[in-house]
Amino acid sequence: GLALQAWHQILSLASVVSPQLNLMTHGATLWVAAFGWFICIQYFVMVVPSQACQEEFALWKSRGLDFEGIDFLVHAPALPIALLDVAYAKSAPLLRAAVDSSRIYCFLPGYIVFYLCVITWNHRRVGVWPYGLMRALGTSVSKWAMFLCTQTLVMITFATLNLFLIFLRTRR
């Protein structure tokens, strides 16, 4: 998600000289911004408070590295960047024309399923989850299904908030 947001910002900058790139980056803004919301809020709500995360912070602190501070700097900017992109950086009329909400609402759940499949595959190969809180899900199909549904609902909520911001900007 963070890499996606970074590439979106780079391509948005390059879109100043390319009409095709301009339309593409405007069309991707809604779902890229939803990832920005997701990365920042979920990190501070779910990841940081988890025991596994706190243990990892303590481990790195004992080794002389402020991993907590680094992680903060990695995750905190995602939401402000997303908000600035939707609310100010992009052309409001072009955003309204380029964004197809029906595609967004199909794409986001598909991406979440894809992402969970990739990290599950990686877990089977190396035996480690990217987020310690995933250990608690174990092999329970019902826990994973609830996790998947919750994450999808959260992501769709963030996309809807971005749509609302776009609507407010184009109403003026």
N, C-alpha and C. Protein backbone atom coordinates (compact mmCIF):
# COMPACT_ATOMS: atom_id res chain seq x y z
N GLY A 1 0.80 -1.19 0.00
CA GLY A 1 0.00 0.00 0.00
C GLY A 1 0.84 1.26 0.00
N LEU A 2 1.92 1.28 0.82
CA LEU A 2 2.77 2.47 0.86
C LEU A 2 3.50 2.67 -0.47
N ALA A 3 3.98 1.58 -1.05
CA ALA A 3 4.67 1.67 -2.34
C ALA A 3 3.69 2.13 -3.42
N LEU A 4 2.48 1.63 -3.37
CA LEU A 4 1.45 2.04 -4.32
C LEU A 4 1.18 3.53 -4.21
N GLN A 5 1.09 4.02 -3.00
CA GLN A 5 0.86 5.44 -2.78
C GLN A 5 2.05 6.27 -3.29
N ALA A 6 3.25 5.80 -3.04
CA ALA A 6 4.44 6.51 -3.51
C ALA A 6 4.47 6.59 -5.03
N TRP A 7 4.20 5.45 -5.70
CA TRP A 7 4.16 5.46 -7.16
C TRP A 7 3.06 6.36 -7.68
N HIS A 8 1.93 6.36 -7.02
CA HIS A 8 0.83 7.24 -7.43
C HIS A 8 1.26 8.70 -7.38
N GLN A 9 1.98 9.08 -6.33
CA GLN A 9 2.43 10.46 -6.20
C GLN A 9 3.47 10.80 -7.29
N ILE A 10 4.37 9.89 -7.57
CA ILE A 10 5.37 10.10 -8.63
C ILE A 10 4.68 10.26 -9.99
N LEU A 11 3.74 9.36 -10.29
CA LEU A 11 3.01 9.43 -11.56
C LEU A 11 2.13 10.67 -11.62
N SER A 12 1.58 11.08 -10.49
CA SER A 12 0.78 12.31 -10.46
C SER A 12 1.65 13.52 -10.80
N LEU A 13 2.86 13.54 -10.30
CA LEU A 13 3.78 14.62 -10.63
C LEU A 13 4.11 14.59 -12.13
N ALA A 14 4.37 13.42 -12.66
CA ALA A 14 4.67 13.28 -14.09
C ALA A 14 3.46 13.60 -14.96
N SER A 15 2.27 13.48 -14.42
CA SER A 15 1.04 13.70 -15.21
C SER A 15 0.85 15.15 -15.63
N VAL A 16 1.64 16.04 -15.07
CA VAL A 16 1.58 17.45 -15.45
C VAL A 16 1.86 17.61 -16.94
N VAL A 17 2.68 16.72 -17.50
CA VAL A 17 3.04 16.82 -18.92
C VAL A 17 2.37 15.76 -19.79
N SER A 18 1.53 14.93 -19.21
CA SER A 18 0.90 13.85 -19.98
C SER A 18 -0.60 13.78 -19.71
N PRO A 19 -1.43 14.15 -20.69
CA PRO A 19 -2.89 14.08 -20.49
C PRO A 19 -3.39 12.66 -20.15
N GLN A 20 -2.79 11.63 -20.79
CA GLN A 20 -3.21 10.26 -20.50
C GLN A 20 -2.87 9.88 -19.07
N LEU A 21 -1.68 10.23 -18.63
CA LEU A 21 -1.26 9.94 -17.27
C LEU A 21 -2.10 10.73 -16.27
N ASN A 22 -2.48 11.94 -16.66
CA ASN A 22 -3.31 12.78 -15.80
C ASN A 22 -4.66 12.10 -15.54
N LEU A 23 -5.28 11.59 -16.59
CA LEU A 23 -6.56 10.89 -16.43
C LEU A 23 -6.39 9.62 -15.60
N MET A 24 -5.31 8.87 -15.86
CA MET A 24 -5.07 7.63 -15.13
C MET A 24 -4.87 7.90 -13.63
N THR A 25 -4.05 8.89 -13.30
CA THR A 25 -3.80 9.15 -11.88
C THR A 25 -5.04 9.69 -11.18
N HIS A 26 -5.85 10.49 -11.88
CA HIS A 26 -7.10 10.95 -11.29
C HIS A 26 -8.04 9.77 -11.04
N GLY A 27 -8.09 8.83 -12.02
CA GLY A 27 -8.95 7.66 -11.87
C GLY A 27 -8.53 6.74 -10.74
N ALA A 28 -7.23 6.70 -10.44
CA ALA A 28 -6.72 5.83 -9.37
C ALA A 28 -6.74 6.50 -8.00
N THR A 29 -6.97 7.80 -7.96
CA THR A 29 -6.86 8.55 -6.71
C THR A 29 -7.74 7.99 -5.60
N LEU A 30 -8.96 7.66 -5.90
CA LEU A 30 -9.90 7.21 -4.86
C LEU A 30 -9.40 5.95 -4.15
N TRP A 31 -9.00 4.94 -4.91
CA TRP A 31 -8.60 3.70 -4.25
C TRP A 31 -7.19 3.80 -3.66
N VAL A 32 -6.31 4.60 -4.26
CA VAL A 32 -5.00 4.79 -3.66
C VAL A 32 -5.15 5.54 -2.33
N ALA A 33 -6.02 6.54 -2.31
CA ALA A 33 -6.27 7.29 -1.07
C ALA A 33 -6.89 6.38 -0.01
N ALA A 34 -7.77 5.47 -0.42
CA ALA A 34 -8.37 4.53 0.54
C ALA A 34 -7.27 3.69 1.20
N PHE A 35 -6.26 3.29 0.42
CA PHE A 35 -5.12 2.57 1.00
C PHE A 35 -4.37 3.45 1.99
N GLY A 36 -4.22 4.72 1.67
CA GLY A 36 -3.55 5.64 2.59
C GLY A 36 -4.26 5.73 3.93
N TRP A 37 -5.58 5.87 3.89
CA TRP A 37 -6.38 5.88 5.13
C TRP A 37 -6.14 4.57 5.88
N PHE A 38 -6.29 3.47 5.14
CA PHE A 38 -6.20 2.13 5.71
C PHE A 38 -4.86 1.90 6.39
N ILE A 39 -3.78 2.20 5.68
CA ILE A 39 -2.43 1.96 6.20
C ILE A 39 -2.20 2.71 7.50
N CYS A 40 -2.58 3.97 7.51
CA CYS A 40 -2.33 4.80 8.68
C CYS A 40 -3.24 4.41 9.86
N ILE A 41 -4.53 4.37 9.62
CA ILE A 41 -5.48 4.13 10.72
C ILE A 41 -5.36 2.70 11.25
N GLN A 42 -5.31 1.72 10.37
CA GLN A 42 -5.21 0.34 10.82
C GLN A 42 -3.90 0.10 11.58
N TYR A 43 -2.84 0.74 11.14
CA TYR A 43 -1.56 0.59 11.82
C TYR A 43 -1.68 1.05 13.28
N PHE A 44 -2.24 2.24 13.48
CA PHE A 44 -2.31 2.78 14.83
C PHE A 44 -3.42 2.15 15.68
N VAL A 45 -4.46 1.63 15.03
CA VAL A 45 -5.58 1.03 15.77
C VAL A 45 -5.34 -0.46 16.05
N MET A 46 -4.80 -1.18 15.08
CA MET A 46 -4.67 -2.64 15.22
C MET A 46 -3.25 -3.11 15.50
N VAL A 47 -2.29 -2.56 14.79
CA VAL A 47 -0.93 -3.10 14.85
C VAL A 47 -0.19 -2.62 16.10
N VAL A 48 -0.10 -1.30 16.27
CA VAL A 48 0.68 -0.75 17.39
C VAL A 48 0.23 -1.28 18.75
N PRO A 49 -1.08 -1.34 19.02
CA PRO A 49 -1.49 -1.82 20.35
C PRO A 49 -1.27 -3.32 20.58
N SER A 50 -1.01 -4.08 19.52
CA SER A 50 -0.87 -5.53 19.69
C SER A 50 0.38 -5.86 20.49
N GLN A 51 0.28 -6.92 21.24
CA GLN A 51 1.39 -7.37 22.08
C GLN A 51 2.61 -7.70 21.22
N ALA A 52 2.37 -8.33 20.07
CA ALA A 52 3.48 -8.72 19.19
C ALA A 52 4.25 -7.49 18.72
N CYS A 53 3.55 -6.44 18.39
CA CYS A 53 4.21 -5.21 17.93
C CYS A 53 5.00 -4.57 19.06
N GLN A 54 4.39 -4.51 20.24
CA GLN A 54 5.09 -3.92 21.38
C GLN A 54 6.34 -4.72 21.74
N GLU A 55 6.27 -6.04 21.61
CA GLU A 55 7.44 -6.87 21.87
C GLU A 55 8.54 -6.61 20.84
N GLU A 56 8.14 -6.42 19.59
CA GLU A 56 9.12 -6.14 18.54
C GLU A 56 9.77 -4.78 18.75
N PHE A 57 8.98 -3.79 19.14
CA PHE A 57 9.55 -2.47 19.46
C PHE A 57 10.57 -2.59 20.59
N ALA A 58 10.22 -3.33 21.63
CA ALA A 58 11.12 -3.50 22.78
C ALA A 58 12.41 -4.22 22.37
N LEU A 59 12.28 -5.25 21.53
CA LEU A 59 13.45 -5.99 21.06
C LEU A 59 14.42 -5.05 20.33
N TRP A 60 13.90 -4.27 19.40
CA TRP A 60 14.76 -3.37 18.63
C TRP A 60 15.32 -2.25 19.48
N LYS A 61 14.54 -1.81 20.46
CA LYS A 61 15.04 -0.76 21.37
C LYS A 61 16.23 -1.31 22.17
N SER A 62 16.12 -2.58 22.61
CA SER A 62 17.23 -3.19 23.36
C SER A 62 18.50 -3.31 22.51
N ARG A 63 18.33 -3.29 21.20
CA ARG A 63 19.46 -3.37 20.28
C ARG A 63 19.94 -1.97 19.84
N GLY A 64 19.27 -0.95 20.40
CA GLY A 64 19.70 0.42 20.11
C GLY A 64 19.05 1.07 18.90
N LEU A 65 17.98 0.47 18.40
CA LEU A 65 17.29 1.03 17.23
C LEU A 65 15.89 1.48 17.62
N ASP A 66 15.53 2.69 17.26
CA ASP A 66 14.19 3.22 17.54
C ASP A 66 13.23 2.79 16.43
N PHE A 67 12.92 1.49 16.40
CA PHE A 67 12.03 0.93 15.38
C PHE A 67 10.63 1.53 15.49
N GLU A 68 10.20 1.83 16.70
CA GLU A 68 8.88 2.43 16.89
C GLU A 68 8.82 3.79 16.19
N GLY A 69 9.85 4.60 16.35
CA GLY A 69 9.90 5.91 15.70
C GLY A 69 9.95 5.79 14.19
N ILE A 70 10.73 4.82 13.70
CA ILE A 70 10.84 4.60 12.26
C ILE A 70 9.49 4.16 11.70
N ASP A 71 8.85 3.22 12.38
CA ASP A 71 7.54 2.74 11.94
C ASP A 71 6.51 3.87 11.93
N PHE A 72 6.58 4.74 12.93
CA PHE A 72 5.69 5.90 12.97
C PHE A 72 5.89 6.76 11.72
N LEU A 73 7.15 7.05 11.40
CA LEU A 73 7.45 7.88 10.23
C LEU A 73 7.05 7.21 8.91
N VAL A 74 7.03 5.90 8.89
CA VAL A 74 6.63 5.18 7.69
C VAL A 74 5.10 5.21 7.52
N HIS A 75 4.36 5.04 8.61
CA HIS A 75 2.91 4.88 8.51
C HIS A 75 2.09 6.17 8.67
N ALA A 76 2.55 7.09 9.47
CA ALA A 76 1.76 8.30 9.77
C ALA A 76 1.49 9.19 8.55
N PRO A 77 2.41 9.38 7.63
CA PRO A 77 2.14 10.30 6.51
C PRO A 77 1.09 9.81 5.51
N ALA A 78 0.78 8.53 5.51
CA ALA A 78 -0.12 7.98 4.48
C ALA A 78 -1.48 8.67 4.46
N LEU A 79 -2.07 8.91 5.62
CA LEU A 79 -3.40 9.55 5.66
C LEU A 79 -3.35 11.02 5.22
N PRO A 80 -2.44 11.84 5.78
CA PRO A 80 -2.39 13.23 5.30
C PRO A 80 -2.12 13.34 3.80
N ILE A 81 -1.23 12.49 3.27
CA ILE A 81 -0.95 12.52 1.83
C ILE A 81 -2.21 12.18 1.05
N ALA A 82 -2.95 11.16 1.51
CA ALA A 82 -4.19 10.77 0.83
C ALA A 82 -5.21 11.91 0.85
N LEU A 83 -5.38 12.53 2.00
CA LEU A 83 -6.34 13.63 2.12
C LEU A 83 -5.94 14.82 1.24
N LEU A 84 -4.68 15.17 1.25
CA LEU A 84 -4.22 16.28 0.42
C LEU A 84 -4.39 15.98 -1.06
N ASP A 85 -4.17 14.73 -1.45
CA ASP A 85 -4.33 14.34 -2.85
C ASP A 85 -5.78 14.49 -3.29
N VAL A 86 -6.71 13.98 -2.48
CA VAL A 86 -8.13 14.03 -2.84
C VAL A 86 -8.69 15.45 -2.70
N ALA A 87 -8.33 16.13 -1.63
CA ALA A 87 -8.96 17.42 -1.31
C ALA A 87 -8.35 18.62 -2.04
N TYR A 88 -7.06 18.52 -2.43
CA TYR A 88 -6.42 19.70 -3.00
C TYR A 88 -5.62 19.47 -4.27
N ALA A 89 -4.87 18.39 -4.33
CA ALA A 89 -3.91 18.23 -5.43
C ALA A 89 -4.57 17.93 -6.77
N LYS A 90 -5.63 17.20 -6.76
CA LYS A 90 -6.27 16.80 -8.01
C LYS A 90 -7.37 17.79 -8.41
N SER A 91 -7.61 17.86 -9.72
CA SER A 91 -8.69 18.69 -10.26
C SER A 91 -10.02 18.06 -9.88
N ALA A 92 -10.88 18.83 -9.22
CA ALA A 92 -12.17 18.29 -8.77
C ALA A 92 -13.04 17.80 -9.94
N PRO A 93 -13.22 18.57 -11.01
CA PRO A 93 -14.04 18.07 -12.12
C PRO A 93 -13.46 16.82 -12.78
N LEU A 94 -12.13 16.78 -12.92
CA LEU A 94 -11.50 15.60 -13.52
C LEU A 94 -11.62 14.39 -12.60
N LEU A 95 -11.50 14.61 -11.29
CA LEU A 95 -11.71 13.51 -10.33
C LEU A 95 -13.10 12.93 -10.50
N ARG A 96 -14.09 13.80 -10.53
CA ARG A 96 -15.48 13.36 -10.65
C ARG A 96 -15.70 12.57 -11.93
N ALA A 97 -15.07 13.03 -13.02
CA ALA A 97 -15.24 12.35 -14.31
C ALA A 97 -14.45 11.04 -14.38
N ALA A 98 -13.29 10.99 -13.74
CA ALA A 98 -12.39 9.84 -13.89
C ALA A 98 -12.68 8.71 -12.93
N VAL A 99 -13.30 9.00 -11.80
CA VAL A 99 -13.51 7.98 -10.76
C VAL A 99 -14.78 7.19 -11.07
N ASP A 100 -14.63 5.88 -11.11
CA ASP A 100 -15.77 4.98 -11.31
C ASP A 100 -15.96 4.19 -10.01
N SER A 101 -16.92 4.63 -9.20
CA SER A 101 -17.09 4.02 -7.87
C SER A 101 -17.47 2.54 -7.95
N SER A 102 -18.20 2.13 -8.98
CA SER A 102 -18.58 0.71 -9.05
C SER A 102 -17.34 -0.16 -9.22
N ARG A 103 -16.37 0.31 -9.99
CA ARG A 103 -15.13 -0.46 -10.15
C ARG A 103 -14.33 -0.48 -8.85
N ILE A 104 -14.35 0.63 -8.15
CA ILE A 104 -13.62 0.72 -6.88
C ILE A 104 -14.17 -0.31 -5.90
N TYR A 105 -15.48 -0.38 -5.80
CA TYR A 105 -16.10 -1.29 -4.83
C TYR A 105 -15.92 -2.75 -5.23
N CYS A 106 -15.61 -3.04 -6.47
CA CYS A 106 -15.26 -4.41 -6.88
C CYS A 106 -13.77 -4.66 -6.69
N PHE A 107 -12.96 -3.67 -7.00
CA PHE A 107 -11.50 -3.83 -6.93
C PHE A 107 -11.00 -4.02 -5.50
N LEU A 108 -11.47 -3.21 -4.57
CA LEU A 108 -10.94 -3.25 -3.20
C LEU A 108 -11.08 -4.61 -2.53
N PRO A 109 -12.27 -5.23 -2.53
CA PRO A 109 -12.35 -6.57 -1.92
C PRO A 109 -11.45 -7.59 -2.62
N GLY A 110 -11.36 -7.47 -3.95
CA GLY A 110 -10.47 -8.37 -4.69
C GLY A 110 -9.02 -8.20 -4.30
N TYR A 111 -8.61 -6.95 -4.12
CA TYR A 111 -7.24 -6.68 -3.71
C TYR A 111 -6.96 -7.24 -2.31
N ILE A 112 -7.91 -7.08 -1.41
CA ILE A 112 -7.72 -7.58 -0.04
C ILE A 112 -7.59 -9.09 -0.03
N VAL A 113 -8.41 -9.77 -0.80
CA VAL A 113 -8.31 -11.24 -0.91
C VAL A 113 -6.95 -11.62 -1.49
N PHE A 114 -6.54 -10.92 -2.56
CA PHE A 114 -5.24 -11.17 -3.18
C PHE A 114 -4.11 -10.97 -2.16
N TYR A 115 -4.14 -9.86 -1.44
CA TYR A 115 -3.10 -9.55 -0.46
C TYR A 115 -3.04 -10.62 0.63
N LEU A 116 -4.19 -11.02 1.14
CA LEU A 116 -4.21 -12.06 2.17
C LEU A 116 -3.70 -13.39 1.63
N CYS A 117 -3.99 -13.69 0.37
CA CYS A 117 -3.45 -14.92 -0.23
C CYS A 117 -1.93 -14.86 -0.32
N VAL A 118 -1.40 -13.71 -0.71
CA VAL A 118 0.06 -13.55 -0.83
C VAL A 118 0.72 -13.70 0.54
N ILE A 119 0.17 -13.03 1.56
CA ILE A 119 0.83 -13.13 2.87
C ILE A 119 0.63 -14.50 3.50
N THR A 120 -0.46 -15.19 3.18
CA THR A 120 -0.65 -16.56 3.66
C THR A 120 0.37 -17.49 2.99
N TRP A 121 0.55 -17.32 1.68
CA TRP A 121 1.55 -18.10 0.95
C TRP A 121 2.93 -17.85 1.54
N ASN A 122 3.25 -16.58 1.80
CA ASN A 122 4.54 -16.24 2.38
C ASN A 122 4.69 -16.85 3.78
N HIS A 123 3.62 -16.84 4.56
CA HIS A 123 3.67 -17.44 5.90
C HIS A 123 3.97 -18.93 5.82
N ARG A 124 3.37 -19.59 4.86
CA ARG A 124 3.63 -21.03 4.70
C ARG A 124 5.08 -21.30 4.32
N ARG A 125 5.68 -20.38 3.59
CA ARG A 125 7.08 -20.55 3.16
C ARG A 125 8.07 -20.23 4.28
N VAL A 126 7.83 -19.12 5.03
CA VAL A 126 8.84 -18.67 6.01
C VAL A 126 8.39 -18.81 7.46
N GLY A 127 7.10 -19.07 7.68
CA GLY A 127 6.61 -19.30 9.04
C GLY A 127 6.37 -18.05 9.88
N VAL A 128 6.35 -16.89 9.24
CA VAL A 128 6.16 -15.63 9.98
C VAL A 128 5.08 -14.80 9.30
N TRP A 129 4.19 -14.24 10.12
CA TRP A 129 3.18 -13.31 9.62
C TRP A 129 3.77 -11.91 9.59
N PRO A 130 3.34 -11.06 8.64
CA PRO A 130 3.86 -9.70 8.62
C PRO A 130 3.37 -8.87 9.81
N TYR A 131 2.27 -9.28 10.38
CA TYR A 131 1.70 -8.60 11.55
C TYR A 131 1.44 -9.66 12.62
N GLY A 132 2.04 -9.47 13.78
CA GLY A 132 1.93 -10.45 14.86
C GLY A 132 0.50 -10.75 15.26
N LEU A 133 -0.39 -9.77 15.08
CA LEU A 133 -1.79 -10.00 15.48
C LEU A 133 -2.44 -11.10 14.66
N MET A 134 -1.87 -11.45 13.52
CA MET A 134 -2.43 -12.51 12.69
C MET A 134 -2.24 -13.89 13.29
N ARG A 135 -1.28 -14.00 14.20
CA ARG A 135 -1.06 -15.29 14.88
C ARG A 135 -2.32 -15.75 15.60
N ALA A 136 -3.05 -14.80 16.16
CA ALA A 136 -4.25 -15.11 16.93
C ALA A 136 -5.35 -15.71 16.05
N LEU A 137 -5.28 -15.49 14.75
CA LEU A 137 -6.30 -16.05 13.85
C LEU A 137 -6.10 -17.55 13.64
N GLY A 138 -4.87 -17.99 13.83
CA GLY A 138 -4.57 -19.42 13.73
C GLY A 138 -4.99 -20.02 12.41
N THR A 139 -5.61 -21.18 12.50
CA THR A 139 -6.10 -21.86 11.30
C THR A 139 -7.62 -21.85 11.24
N SER A 140 -8.24 -21.02 12.07
CA SER A 140 -9.69 -20.94 12.12
C SER A 140 -10.26 -20.23 10.89
N VAL A 141 -11.01 -20.97 10.11
CA VAL A 141 -11.63 -20.40 8.90
C VAL A 141 -12.58 -19.27 9.29
N SER A 142 -13.32 -19.44 10.37
CA SER A 142 -14.28 -18.40 10.75
C SER A 142 -13.57 -17.13 11.20
N LYS A 143 -12.44 -17.24 11.91
CA LYS A 143 -11.69 -16.04 12.32
C LYS A 143 -11.11 -15.31 11.11
N TRP A 144 -10.57 -16.08 10.16
CA TRP A 144 -10.03 -15.47 8.96
C TRP A 144 -11.14 -14.83 8.12
N ALA A 145 -12.29 -15.49 8.04
CA ALA A 145 -13.41 -14.93 7.28
C ALA A 145 -13.88 -13.62 7.91
N MET A 146 -13.95 -13.58 9.23
CA MET A 146 -14.35 -12.35 9.93
C MET A 146 -13.31 -11.26 9.71
N PHE A 147 -12.03 -11.63 9.78
CA PHE A 147 -10.95 -10.68 9.54
C PHE A 147 -11.05 -10.11 8.12
N LEU A 148 -11.24 -10.98 7.14
CA LEU A 148 -11.37 -10.56 5.75
C LEU A 148 -12.56 -9.62 5.56
N CYS A 149 -13.71 -9.99 6.12
CA CYS A 149 -14.92 -9.16 5.99
C CYS A 149 -14.72 -7.80 6.67
N THR A 150 -14.12 -7.80 7.84
CA THR A 150 -13.89 -6.55 8.56
C THR A 150 -12.94 -5.64 7.79
N GLN A 151 -11.85 -6.19 7.30
CA GLN A 151 -10.89 -5.38 6.54
C GLN A 151 -11.52 -4.83 5.27
N THR A 152 -12.35 -5.64 4.61
CA THR A 152 -13.03 -5.19 3.40
C THR A 152 -14.01 -4.07 3.72
N LEU A 153 -14.76 -4.22 4.79
CA LEU A 153 -15.71 -3.18 5.19
C LEU A 153 -14.98 -1.88 5.55
N VAL A 154 -13.87 -1.99 6.25
CA VAL A 154 -13.08 -0.80 6.61
C VAL A 154 -12.58 -0.11 5.34
N MET A 155 -12.05 -0.87 4.41
CA MET A 155 -11.52 -0.29 3.17
C MET A 155 -12.64 0.36 2.34
N ILE A 156 -13.79 -0.27 2.28
CA ILE A 156 -14.92 0.31 1.54
C ILE A 156 -15.40 1.59 2.23
N THR A 157 -15.36 1.62 3.55
CA THR A 157 -15.72 2.84 4.29
C THR A 157 -14.77 3.97 3.94
N PHE A 158 -13.48 3.69 3.90
CA PHE A 158 -12.51 4.72 3.55
C PHE A 158 -12.71 5.20 2.11
N ALA A 159 -12.98 4.29 1.19
CA ALA A 159 -13.24 4.68 -0.20
C ALA A 159 -14.48 5.57 -0.28
N THR A 160 -15.51 5.23 0.50
CA THR A 160 -16.74 6.02 0.52
C THR A 160 -16.48 7.42 1.07
N LEU A 161 -15.65 7.53 2.09
CA LEU A 161 -15.29 8.84 2.62
C LEU A 161 -14.56 9.67 1.56
N ASN A 162 -13.69 9.02 0.80
CA ASN A 162 -13.02 9.73 -0.29
C ASN A 162 -14.01 10.17 -1.36
N LEU A 163 -14.97 9.31 -1.69
CA LEU A 163 -16.02 9.70 -2.65
C LEU A 163 -16.80 10.91 -2.14
N PHE A 164 -17.08 10.92 -0.86
CA PHE A 164 -17.79 12.04 -0.25
C PHE A 164 -16.96 13.32 -0.37
N LEU A 165 -15.66 13.23 -0.14
CA LEU A 165 -14.78 14.40 -0.31
C LEU A 165 -14.80 14.91 -1.75
N ILE A 166 -14.78 13.98 -2.69
CA ILE A 166 -14.84 14.36 -4.11
C ILE A 166 -16.17 15.04 -4.40
N PHE A 167 -17.25 14.48 -3.88
CA PHE A 167 -18.58 15.06 -4.07
C PHE A 167 -18.63 16.49 -3.51
N LEU A 168 -18.09 16.68 -2.31
CA LEU A 168 -18.09 18.02 -1.70
C LEU A 168 -17.28 19.02 -2.55
N ARG A 169 -16.17 18.57 -3.09
CA ARG A 169 -15.35 19.46 -3.91
C ARG A 169 -16.04 19.84 -5.21
N THR A 170 -16.79 18.95 -5.79
CA THR A 170 -17.41 19.24 -7.10
C THR A 170 -18.78 19.90 -6.95
N ARG A 171 -19.26 20.00 -5.74
CA ARG A 171 -20.55 20.65 -5.49
C ARG A 171 -20.44 22.16 -5.55
N ARG A 172 -19.27 22.68 -5.31
CA ARG A 172 -19.08 24.14 -5.21
C ARG A 172 -19.43 24.84 -6.49
